Amino acid sequence: MPPAKKRPRTYDPAKTRAAVLAQLGHVREAVAGLTPEQLALPTRLGEWTVRDLVAHIGMAVTAVHRALDQPEPAKADAVLLDWPFGTFGNSAAIADFTRRLAADHPDLDAYLADADGSLRALLDAHPGTRLLATSAGAMSLDDYLVTRTVELVVHTDDLAAAVPGLGIPYDRQALAACTRLLADALAVKAPGGSTEVRVPPYAVVQCVEGPRHTRGTPPNVVETDPLTWIRLATGRTRWQEAVADAKVSASGERADIGPYLPLMS
């Protein structure tokens, strides 16, 4: 995947920081009430249990810590939209690291509490312009925090799917940032202007090669809700299933965006 030429939108750094901390707080509250039996439940992530999943959520947060522990890169060589496409191919290493974390932190409440407290301290100590070495390249702390909203929202949904009735809330700003980043990633992967993808109330993007729409009702329209979009973009839900279950409305000969999904693993 070629690097994105430009970032299609900006994110308010203060709102992003607040969103990351708020969503982590929602996860902490949910995890605090889980029983040993619930922690042993399977998830939709291969062989991972709920315990493994919670450890991975902590890992996604402490990725900020690990990046800040490294020397600052000399210059930025990545943009935010490079990140979704850098997630493929690392599943085995991530799974191994996750299982080690789960084994090393039997008290998940304490693990997440420590991650929360130390993250707050780090965000107070470092400016958003501080460059980090990430899997996608060197980018600013502010941009990297947008990617943490994706990790937190996606895995909050995984946790809710694994433990029925858990009812974890989504921070509105975290859900918005996650939805927008993944929608913009689609526009990078399938550049064009023939199809309009709508994910109300957070995102609208033009994509797919073909005649560009200029006015009136677009001839090719895809519309869905934020969580369905996030599941499609991350491979949790297949395009054909979402259309068949009326989770997605797709009209027009160029409205089949299934070949471009998922955007990240």
C-alpha atoms as a PDB file:
ATOM      1  CA  MET A   1       0.000   0.000   0.000  1.00  0.00           C
ATOM      2  CA  PRO A   2       1.598   3.322  -1.049  1.00  0.00           C
ATOM      3  CA  PRO A   3       1.828   5.986   1.607  1.00  0.00           C
ATOM      4  CA  ALA A   4      -1.030   8.452   1.778  1.00  0.00           C
ATOM      5  CA  LYS A   5      -0.220  11.709   0.016  1.00  0.00           C
ATOM      6  CA  LYS A   6      -1.956  13.854   2.594  1.00  0.00           C
ATOM      7  CA  ARG A   7      -4.071  13.583   5.682  1.00  0.00           C
ATOM      8  CA  PRO A   8      -7.691  14.244   4.719  1.00  0.00           C
ATOM      9  CA  ARG A   9      -8.710  15.618   8.091  1.00  0.00           C
ATOM     10  CA  THR A  10      -7.273  16.825  11.358  1.00  0.00           C
ATOM     11  CA  TYR A  11      -8.088  15.724  14.892  1.00  0.00           C
ATOM     12  CA  ASP A  12      -8.291  17.932  17.951  1.00  0.00           C
ATOM     13  CA  PRO A  13      -5.376  16.752  20.159  1.00  0.00           C
ATOM     14  CA  ALA A  14      -7.100  17.590  23.439  1.00  0.00           C
ATOM     15  CA  LYS A  15     -10.250  15.712  22.430  1.00  0.00           C
ATOM     16  CA  THR A  16      -8.223  12.741  21.241  1.00  0.00           C
ATOM     17  CA  ARG A  17      -6.315  12.492  24.517  1.00  0.00           C
ATOM     18  CA  ALA A  18      -9.542  12.742  26.476  1.00  0.00           C
ATOM     19  CA  ALA A  19     -11.144  10.099  24.256  1.00  0.00           C
ATOM     20  CA  VAL A  20      -8.315   7.598  24.771  1.00  0.00           C
ATOM     21  CA  LEU A  21      -8.457   8.016  28.538  1.00  0.00           C
ATOM     22  CA  ALA A  22     -12.261   7.865  28.603  1.00  0.00           C
ATOM     23  CA  GLN A  23     -12.466   4.658  26.559  1.00  0.00           C
ATOM     24  CA  LEU A  24      -9.729   3.059  28.633  1.00  0.00           C
ATOM     25  CA  GLY A  25     -11.754   3.998  31.694  1.00  0.00           C
ATOM     26  CA  HIS A  26     -14.830   2.259  30.282  1.00  0.00           C
ATOM     27  CA  VAL A  27     -12.785  -0.884  29.680  1.00  0.00           C
ATOM     28  CA  ARG A  28     -11.351  -0.782  33.198  1.00  0.00           C
ATOM     29  CA  GLU A  29     -14.816  -0.559  34.734  1.00  0.00           C
ATOM     30  CA  ALA A  30     -16.018  -3.521  32.681  1.00  0.00           C
ATOM     31  CA  VAL A  31     -12.978  -5.668  33.395  1.00  0.00           C
ATOM     32  CA  ALA A  32     -13.192  -5.004  37.142  1.00  0.00           C
ATOM     33  CA  GLY A  33     -16.460  -6.922  37.264  1.00  0.00           C
ATOM     34  CA  LEU A  34     -15.409  -9.983  35.255  1.00  0.00           C
ATOM     35  CA  THR A  35     -15.361 -13.349  36.972  1.00  0.00           C
ATOM     36  CA  PRO A  36     -12.647 -15.985  36.437  1.00  0.00           C
ATOM     37  CA  GLU A  37     -15.154 -17.913  34.341  1.00  0.00           C
ATOM     38  CA  GLN A  38     -15.792 -14.899  32.124  1.00  0.00           C
ATOM     39  CA  LEU A  39     -12.073 -14.239  31.737  1.00  0.00           C
ATOM     40  CA  ALA A  40     -11.689 -17.799  30.452  1.00  0.00           C
ATOM     41  CA  LEU A  41     -14.369 -17.378  27.755  1.00  0.00           C
ATOM     42  CA  PRO A  42     -13.315 -17.626  24.091  1.00  0.00           C
ATOM     43  CA  THR A  43     -13.294 -14.576  21.817  1.00  0.00           C
ATOM     44  CA  ARG A  44     -13.689 -14.108  18.093  1.00  0.00           C
ATOM     45  CA  LEU A  45      -9.916 -13.576  17.864  1.00  0.00           C
ATOM     46  CA  GLY A  46      -8.735 -17.095  17.181  1.00  0.00           C
ATOM     47  CA  GLU A  47      -7.474 -18.850  20.302  1.00  0.00           C
ATOM     48  CA  TRP A  48      -7.520 -15.760  22.508  1.00  0.00           C
ATOM     49  CA  THR A  49      -9.531 -15.879  25.698  1.00  0.00           C
ATOM     50  CA  VAL A  50     -11.090 -12.821  27.299  1.00  0.00           C
ATOM     51  CA  ARG A  51      -8.046 -12.658  29.578  1.00  0.00           C
ATOM     52  CA  ASP A  52      -5.770 -12.537  26.531  1.00  0.00           C
ATOM     53  CA  LEU A  53      -7.940  -9.859  24.958  1.00  0.00           C
ATOM     54  CA  VAL A  54      -7.807  -7.659  28.047  1.00  0.00           C
ATOM     55  CA  ALA A  55      -4.036  -8.067  28.186  1.00  0.00           C
ATOM     56  CA  HIS A  56      -3.888  -6.999  24.545  1.00  0.00           C
ATOM     57  CA  ILE A  57      -5.946  -3.884  25.264  1.00  0.00           C
ATOM     58  CA  GLY A  58      -3.397  -2.994  27.912  1.00  0.00           C
ATOM     59  CA  MET A  59      -0.637  -3.672  25.393  1.00  0.00           C
ATOM     60  CA  ALA A  60      -2.251  -1.299  22.886  1.00  0.00           C
ATOM     61  CA  VAL A  61      -2.232   1.456  25.492  1.00  0.00           C
ATOM     62  CA  THR A  62       1.287   0.835  26.762  1.00  0.00           C
ATOM     63  CA  ALA A  63       2.535   0.945  23.176  1.00  0.00           C
ATOM     64  CA  VAL A  64       2.644   4.680  23.841  1.00  0.00           C
ATOM     65  CA  HIS A  65       4.941   4.049  26.813  1.00  0.00           C
ATOM     66  CA  ARG A  66       7.248   1.808  24.792  1.00  0.00           C
ATOM     67  CA  ALA A  67       7.453   4.299  21.942  1.00  0.00           C
ATOM     68  CA  LEU A  68       8.283   7.177  24.292  1.00  0.00           C
ATOM     69  CA  ASP A  69      11.044   5.061  25.848  1.00  0.00           C
ATOM     70  CA  GLN A  70      12.828   4.982  22.486  1.00  0.00           C
ATOM     71  CA  PRO A  71      15.003   7.779  21.096  1.00  0.00           C
ATOM     72  CA  GLU A  72      13.013  10.376  19.199  1.00  0.00           C
ATOM     73  CA  PRO A  73      13.293   9.923  15.404  1.00  0.00           C
ATOM     74  CA  ALA A  74      15.068  12.697  13.544  1.00  0.00           C
ATOM     75  CA  LYS A  75      12.055  13.421  11.347  1.00  0.00           C
ATOM     76  CA  ALA A  76       8.566  12.200  10.567  1.00  0.00           C
ATOM     77  CA  ASP A  77       8.422   9.759   7.661  1.00  0.00           C
ATOM     78  CA  ALA A  78       4.823   8.560   8.037  1.00  0.00           C
ATOM     79  CA  VAL A  79       1.365  10.078   8.155  1.00  0.00           C
ATOM     80  CA  LEU A  80      -1.607   8.920  10.147  1.00  0.00           C
ATOM     81  CA  LEU A  81      -3.196   7.100   7.221  1.00  0.00           C
ATOM     82  CA  ASP A  82      -0.147   4.887   6.817  1.00  0.00           C
ATOM     83  CA  TRP A  83      -0.930   3.192  10.132  1.00  0.00           C
ATOM     84  CA  PRO A  84      -3.978   1.027   9.240  1.00  0.00           C
ATOM     85  CA  PHE A  85      -2.053  -0.623   6.416  1.00  0.00           C
ATOM     86  CA  GLY A  86       0.885  -1.473   8.658  1.00  0.00           C
ATOM     87  CA  THR A  87      -1.128  -3.816  10.854  1.00  0.00           C
ATOM     88  CA  PHE A  88      -1.077  -6.815   8.523  1.00  0.00           C
ATOM     89  CA  GLY A  89       1.617  -9.443   8.930  1.00  0.00           C
ATOM     90  CA  ASN A  90       2.300  -8.922  12.634  1.00  0.00           C
ATOM     91  CA  SER A  91      -0.361 -11.241  14.054  1.00  0.00           C
ATOM     92  CA  ALA A  92       1.978 -14.017  15.235  1.00  0.00           C
ATOM     93  CA  ALA A  93       4.309 -11.662  17.101  1.00  0.00           C
ATOM     94  CA  ILE A  94       1.375  -9.787  18.609  1.00  0.00           C
ATOM     95  CA  ALA A  95      -0.239 -13.031  19.757  1.00  0.00           C
ATOM     96  CA  ASP A  96       2.971 -14.193  21.448  1.00  0.00           C
ATOM     97  CA  PHE A  97       3.459 -10.860  23.204  1.00  0.00           C
ATOM     98  CA  THR A  98      -0.185 -10.839  24.300  1.00  0.00           C
ATOM     99  CA  ARG A  99       0.000 -14.291  25.858  1.00  0.00           C
ATOM    100  CA  ARG A 100       3.170 -13.354  27.745  1.00  0.00           C
ATOM    101  CA  LEU A 101       1.466 -10.251  29.080  1.00  0.00           C
ATOM    102  CA  ALA A 102      -1.577 -12.235  30.184  1.00  0.00           C
ATOM    103  CA  ALA A 103       0.663 -14.711  32.018  1.00  0.00           C
ATOM    104  CA  ASP A 104       2.778 -11.964  33.596  1.00  0.00           C
ATOM    105  CA  HIS A 105      -0.206  -9.926  34.825  1.00  0.00           C
ATOM    106  CA  PRO A 106      -2.677 -12.195  36.600  1.00  0.00           C
ATOM    107  CA  ASP A 107      -4.291  -9.124  38.221  1.00  0.00           C
ATOM    108  CA  LEU A 108      -5.711  -7.434  35.146  1.00  0.00           C
ATOM    109  CA  ASP A 109      -7.398  -4.700  37.194  1.00  0.00           C
ATOM    110  CA  ALA A 110      -4.038  -3.609  38.572  1.00  0.00           C
ATOM    111  CA  TYR A 111      -2.416  -3.918  35.129  1.00  0.00           C
ATOM    112  CA  LEU A 112      -4.960  -1.597  33.502  1.00  0.00           C
ATOM    113  CA  ALA A 113      -4.898   0.803  36.438  1.00  0.00           C
ATOM    114  CA  ASP A 114      -1.135   1.100  36.117  1.00  0.00           C
ATOM    115  CA  ALA A 115      -1.406   1.590  32.349  1.00  0.00           C
ATOM    116  CA  ASP A 116      -3.994   4.327  32.893  1.00  0.00           C
ATOM    117  CA  GLY A 117      -2.018   6.181  35.543  1.00  0.00           C
ATOM    118  CA  SER A 118       1.285   6.026  33.725  1.00  0.00           C
ATOM    119  CA  LEU A 119      -0.322   7.081  30.423  1.00  0.00           C
ATOM    120  CA  ARG A 120      -1.772  10.190  32.076  1.00  0.00           C
ATOM    121  CA  ALA A 121       1.644  11.064  33.442  1.00  0.00           C
ATOM    122  CA  LEU A 122       3.318  10.571  30.071  1.00  0.00           C
ATOM    123  CA  LEU A 123       0.757  12.693  28.250  1.00  0.00           C
ATOM    124  CA  ASP A 124       1.296  15.476  30.767  1.00  0.00           C
ATOM    125  CA  ALA A 125       5.058  15.241  30.286  1.00  0.00           C
ATOM    126  CA  HIS A 126       5.303  15.141  26.478  1.00  0.00           C
ATOM    127  CA  PRO A 127       4.038  17.532  23.805  1.00  0.00           C
ATOM    128  CA  GLY A 128       1.874  16.200  21.017  1.00  0.00           C
ATOM    129  CA  THR A 129       4.554  17.090  18.491  1.00  0.00           C
ATOM    130  CA  ARG A 130       6.982  14.589  20.008  1.00  0.00           C
ATOM    131  CA  LEU A 131       7.890  12.060  17.297  1.00  0.00           C
ATOM    132  CA  LEU A 132       7.498   8.325  17.918  1.00  0.00           C
ATOM    133  CA  ALA A 133       8.886   5.330  16.054  1.00  0.00           C
ATOM    134  CA  THR A 134       5.834   3.196  15.216  1.00  0.00           C
ATOM    135  CA  SER A 135       5.137   0.138  13.071  1.00  0.00           C
ATOM    136  CA  ALA A 136       4.078   2.505  10.282  1.00  0.00           C
ATOM    137  CA  GLY A 137       7.054   4.840  10.609  1.00  0.00           C
ATOM    138  CA  ALA A 138       7.846   7.977  12.584  1.00  0.00           C
ATOM    139  CA  MET A 139       4.790  10.059  13.437  1.00  0.00           C
ATOM    140  CA  SER A 140       3.751  12.527  16.094  1.00  0.00           C
ATOM    141  CA  LEU A 141       2.351  11.547  19.464  1.00  0.00           C
ATOM    142  CA  ASP A 142      -0.881  13.356  18.602  1.00  0.00           C
ATOM    143  CA  ASP A 143      -1.323  11.239  15.472  1.00  0.00           C
ATOM    144  CA  TYR A 144      -0.391   8.030  17.248  1.00  0.00           C
ATOM    145  CA  LEU A 145      -3.052   8.675  19.880  1.00  0.00           C
ATOM    146  CA  VAL A 146      -5.670   8.696  17.118  1.00  0.00           C
ATOM    147  CA  THR A 147      -4.599   5.132  16.314  1.00  0.00           C
ATOM    148  CA  ARG A 148      -5.111   4.234  19.971  1.00  0.00           C
ATOM    149  CA  THR A 149      -8.790   5.177  19.652  1.00  0.00           C
ATOM    150  CA  VAL A 150      -9.031   2.537  16.912  1.00  0.00           C
ATOM    151  CA  GLU A 151      -7.379  -0.114  19.093  1.00  0.00           C
ATOM    152  CA  LEU A 152      -9.577   0.707  22.080  1.00  0.00           C
ATOM    153  CA  VAL A 153     -12.873   0.904  20.195  1.00  0.00           C
ATOM    154  CA  VAL A 154     -12.249  -2.231  18.116  1.00  0.00           C
ATOM    155  CA  HIS A 155     -11.250  -4.292  21.124  1.00  0.00           C
ATOM    156  CA  THR A 156     -14.039  -2.896  23.281  1.00  0.00           C
ATOM    157  CA  ASP A 157     -16.367  -4.339  20.642  1.00  0.00           C
ATOM    158  CA  ASP A 158     -14.459  -7.653  20.741  1.00  0.00           C
ATOM    159  CA  LEU A 159     -14.845  -7.734  24.527  1.00  0.00           C
ATOM    160  CA  ALA A 160     -18.569  -6.976  24.351  1.00  0.00           C
ATOM    161  CA  ALA A 161     -19.028  -9.761  21.786  1.00  0.00           C
ATOM    162  CA  ALA A 162     -17.197 -12.259  23.998  1.00  0.00           C
ATOM    163  CA  VAL A 163     -19.097 -11.450  27.210  1.00  0.00           C
ATOM    164  CA  PRO A 164     -22.821 -11.044  26.441  1.00  0.00           C
ATOM    165  CA  GLY A 165     -24.581  -8.402  28.484  1.00  0.00           C
ATOM    166  CA  LEU A 166     -21.386  -6.598  29.456  1.00  0.00           C
ATOM    167  CA  GLY A 167     -22.707  -3.330  28.068  1.00  0.00           C
ATOM    168  CA  ILE A 168     -19.469  -1.375  27.738  1.00  0.00           C
ATOM    169  CA  PRO A 169     -20.152   2.219  26.627  1.00  0.00           C
ATOM    170  CA  TYR A 170     -18.272   3.917  23.810  1.00  0.00           C
ATOM    171  CA  ASP A 171     -16.843   7.369  24.263  1.00  0.00           C
ATOM    172  CA  ARG A 172     -18.383   9.439  21.480  1.00  0.00           C
ATOM    173  CA  GLN A 173     -15.120  11.102  20.492  1.00  0.00           C
ATOM    174  CA  ALA A 174     -13.237   7.780  20.467  1.00  0.00           C
ATOM    175  CA  LEU A 175     -15.923   6.192  18.283  1.00  0.00           C
ATOM    176  CA  ALA A 176     -15.888   9.201  15.950  1.00  0.00           C
ATOM    177  CA  ALA A 177     -12.101   9.202  15.539  1.00  0.00           C
ATOM    178  CA  CYS A 178     -12.006   5.453  14.934  1.00  0.00           C
ATOM    179  CA  THR A 179     -14.798   5.644  12.353  1.00  0.00           C
ATOM    180  CA  ARG A 180     -13.225   8.568  10.508  1.00  0.00           C
ATOM    181  CA  LEU A 181      -9.730   7.111  10.350  1.00  0.00           C
ATOM    182  CA  LEU A 182     -11.001   3.825   8.924  1.00  0.00           C
ATOM    183  CA  ALA A 183     -13.280   5.608   6.452  1.00  0.00           C
ATOM    184  CA  ASP A 184     -10.374   7.743   5.251  1.00  0.00           C
ATOM    185  CA  ALA A 185      -8.273   4.581   4.941  1.00  0.00           C
ATOM    186  CA  LEU A 186     -10.862   3.197   2.517  1.00  0.00           C
ATOM    187  CA  ALA A 187     -10.538   6.336   0.400  1.00  0.00           C
ATOM    188  CA  VAL A 188      -6.771   5.749   0.281  1.00  0.00           C
ATOM    189  CA  LYS A 189      -7.094   2.073  -0.613  1.00  0.00           C
ATOM    190  CA  ALA A 190      -9.810   2.642  -3.230  1.00  0.00           C
ATOM    191  CA  PRO A 191      -9.140   6.152  -4.569  1.00  0.00           C
ATOM    192  CA  GLY A 192     -11.776   7.736  -6.745  1.00  0.00           C
ATOM    193  CA  GLY A 193     -15.034   9.599  -6.602  1.00  0.00           C
ATOM    194  CA  SER A 194     -17.699   7.317  -8.023  1.00  0.00           C
ATOM    195  CA  THR A 195     -18.992   5.927  -4.713  1.00  0.00           C
ATOM    196  CA  GLU A 196     -20.034   7.733  -1.563  1.00  0.00           C
ATOM    197  CA  VAL A 197     -19.642   5.856   1.717  1.00  0.00           C
ATOM    198  CA  ARG A 198     -21.666   7.274   4.587  1.00  0.00           C
ATOM    199  CA  VAL A 199     -21.233   6.342   8.225  1.00  0.00           C
ATOM    200  CA  PRO A 200     -23.521   8.771  10.035  1.00  0.00           C
ATOM    201  CA  PRO A 201     -23.063  10.772  12.096  1.00  0.00           C
ATOM    202  CA  TYR A 202     -19.279  10.658  11.808  1.00  0.00           C
ATOM    203  CA  ALA A 203     -17.962  10.206   8.282  1.00  0.00           C
ATOM    204  CA  VAL A 204     -18.631  10.558   4.569  1.00  0.00           C
ATOM    205  CA  VAL A 205     -15.946   9.697   2.010  1.00  0.00           C
ATOM    206  CA  GLN A 206     -15.720   9.418  -1.761  1.00  0.00           C
ATOM    207  CA  CYS A 207     -13.914   6.392  -3.173  1.00  0.00           C
ATOM    208  CA  VAL A 208     -13.658   3.856  -6.044  1.00  0.00           C
ATOM    209  CA  GLU A 209     -12.521   4.702  -9.552  1.00  0.00           C
ATOM    210  CA  GLY A 210     -15.163   5.723 -12.062  1.00  0.00           C
ATOM    211  CA  PRO A 211     -17.258   8.733 -13.041  1.00  0.00           C
ATOM    212  CA  ARG A 212     -17.039  11.368 -10.317  1.00  0.00           C
ATOM    213  CA  HIS A 213     -20.296  12.517  -8.787  1.00  0.00           C
ATOM    214  CA  THR A 214     -20.687  16.310  -8.603  1.00  0.00           C
ATOM    215  CA  ARG A 215     -24.253  17.168  -7.591  1.00  0.00           C
ATOM    216  CA  GLY A 216     -27.578  15.677  -6.545  1.00  0.00           C
ATOM    217  CA  THR A 217     -28.014  12.159  -5.231  1.00  0.00           C
ATOM    218  CA  PRO A 218     -24.886  10.054  -5.881  1.00  0.00           C
ATOM    219  CA  PRO A 219     -25.513   7.042  -8.171  1.00  0.00           C
ATOM    220  CA  ASN A 220     -23.466   4.743  -5.913  1.00  0.00           C
ATOM    221  CA  VAL A 221     -24.050   4.964  -2.178  1.00  0.00           C
ATOM    222  CA  VAL A 222     -23.026   2.782   0.764  1.00  0.00           C
ATOM    223  CA  GLU A 223     -24.420   3.557   4.192  1.00  0.00           C
ATOM    224  CA  THR A 224     -24.008   1.827   7.532  1.00  0.00           C
ATOM    225  CA  ASP A 225     -23.676   2.530  11.247  1.00  0.00           C
ATOM    226  CA  PRO A 226     -20.324   3.132  12.973  1.00  0.00           C
ATOM    227  CA  LEU A 227     -19.922  -0.261  14.672  1.00  0.00           C
ATOM    228  CA  THR A 228     -20.871  -2.192  11.546  1.00  0.00           C
ATOM    229  CA  TRP A 229     -18.389  -0.119   9.564  1.00  0.00           C
ATOM    230  CA  ILE A 230     -15.634  -0.763  12.098  1.00  0.00           C
ATOM    231  CA  ARG A 231     -16.353  -4.513  12.018  1.00  0.00           C
ATOM    232  CA  LEU A 232     -16.213  -4.499   8.212  1.00  0.00           C
ATOM    233  CA  ALA A 233     -13.001  -2.491   8.135  1.00  0.00           C
ATOM    234  CA  THR A 234     -11.278  -4.827  10.594  1.00  0.00           C
ATOM    235  CA  GLY A 235     -12.573  -8.133   9.235  1.00  0.00           C
ATOM    236  CA  ARG A 236     -14.925  -8.905  12.113  1.00  0.00           C
ATOM    237  CA  THR A 237     -17.875  -8.927   9.710  1.00  0.00           C
ATOM    238  CA  ARG A 238     -17.867  -9.950   6.055  1.00  0.00           C
ATOM    239  CA  TRP A 239     -19.339  -7.589   3.468  1.00  0.00           C
ATOM    240  CA  GLN A 240     -21.755 -10.156   2.042  1.00  0.00           C
ATOM    241  CA  GLU A 241     -23.095 -10.991   5.504  1.00  0.00           C
ATOM    242  CA  ALA A 242     -23.593  -7.343   6.435  1.00  0.00           C
ATOM    243  CA  VAL A 243     -25.515  -6.671   3.212  1.00  0.00           C
ATOM    244  CA  ALA A 244     -27.623  -9.814   3.598  1.00  0.00           C
ATOM    245  CA  ASP A 245     -28.445  -8.900   7.203  1.00  0.00           C
ATOM    246  CA  ALA A 246     -29.428  -5.356   6.155  1.00  0.00           C
ATOM    247  CA  LYS A 247     -26.630  -3.896   8.266  1.00  0.00           C
ATOM    248  CA  VAL A 248     -25.419  -2.120   5.132  1.00  0.00           C
ATOM    249  CA  SER A 249     -27.377  -0.308   2.449  1.00  0.00           C
ATOM    250  CA  ALA A 250     -25.595  -0.451  -0.915  1.00  0.00           C
ATOM    251  CA  SER A 251     -27.072   0.970  -4.113  1.00  0.00           C
ATOM    252  CA  GLY A 252     -25.488   1.398  -7.528  1.00  0.00           C
ATOM    253  CA  GLU A 253     -23.270  -0.721  -9.754  1.00  0.00           C
ATOM    254  CA  ARG A 254     -20.109   0.523  -8.034  1.00  0.00           C
ATOM    255  CA  ALA A 255     -21.423   0.182  -4.481  1.00  0.00           C
ATOM    256  CA  ASP A 256     -19.818  -3.201  -3.800  1.00  0.00           C
ATOM    257  CA  ILE A 257     -16.806  -2.238  -1.681  1.00  0.00           C
ATOM    258  CA  GLY A 258     -16.323  -5.796  -0.427  1.00  0.00           C
ATOM    259  CA  PRO A 259     -13.154  -6.347  -2.523  1.00  0.00           C
ATOM    260  CA  TYR A 260     -11.440  -3.535  -0.599  1.00  0.00           C
ATOM    261  CA  LEU A 261     -12.210  -4.945   2.841  1.00  0.00           C
ATOM    262  CA  PRO A 262     -10.861  -5.501   5.416  1.00  0.00           C
ATOM    263  CA  LEU A 263      -8.608  -2.476   5.690  1.00  0.00           C
ATOM    264  CA  MET A 264      -6.657  -3.780   8.686  1.00  0.00           C
ATOM    265  CA  SER A 265      -6.419  -6.984  10.701  1.00  0.00           C
END
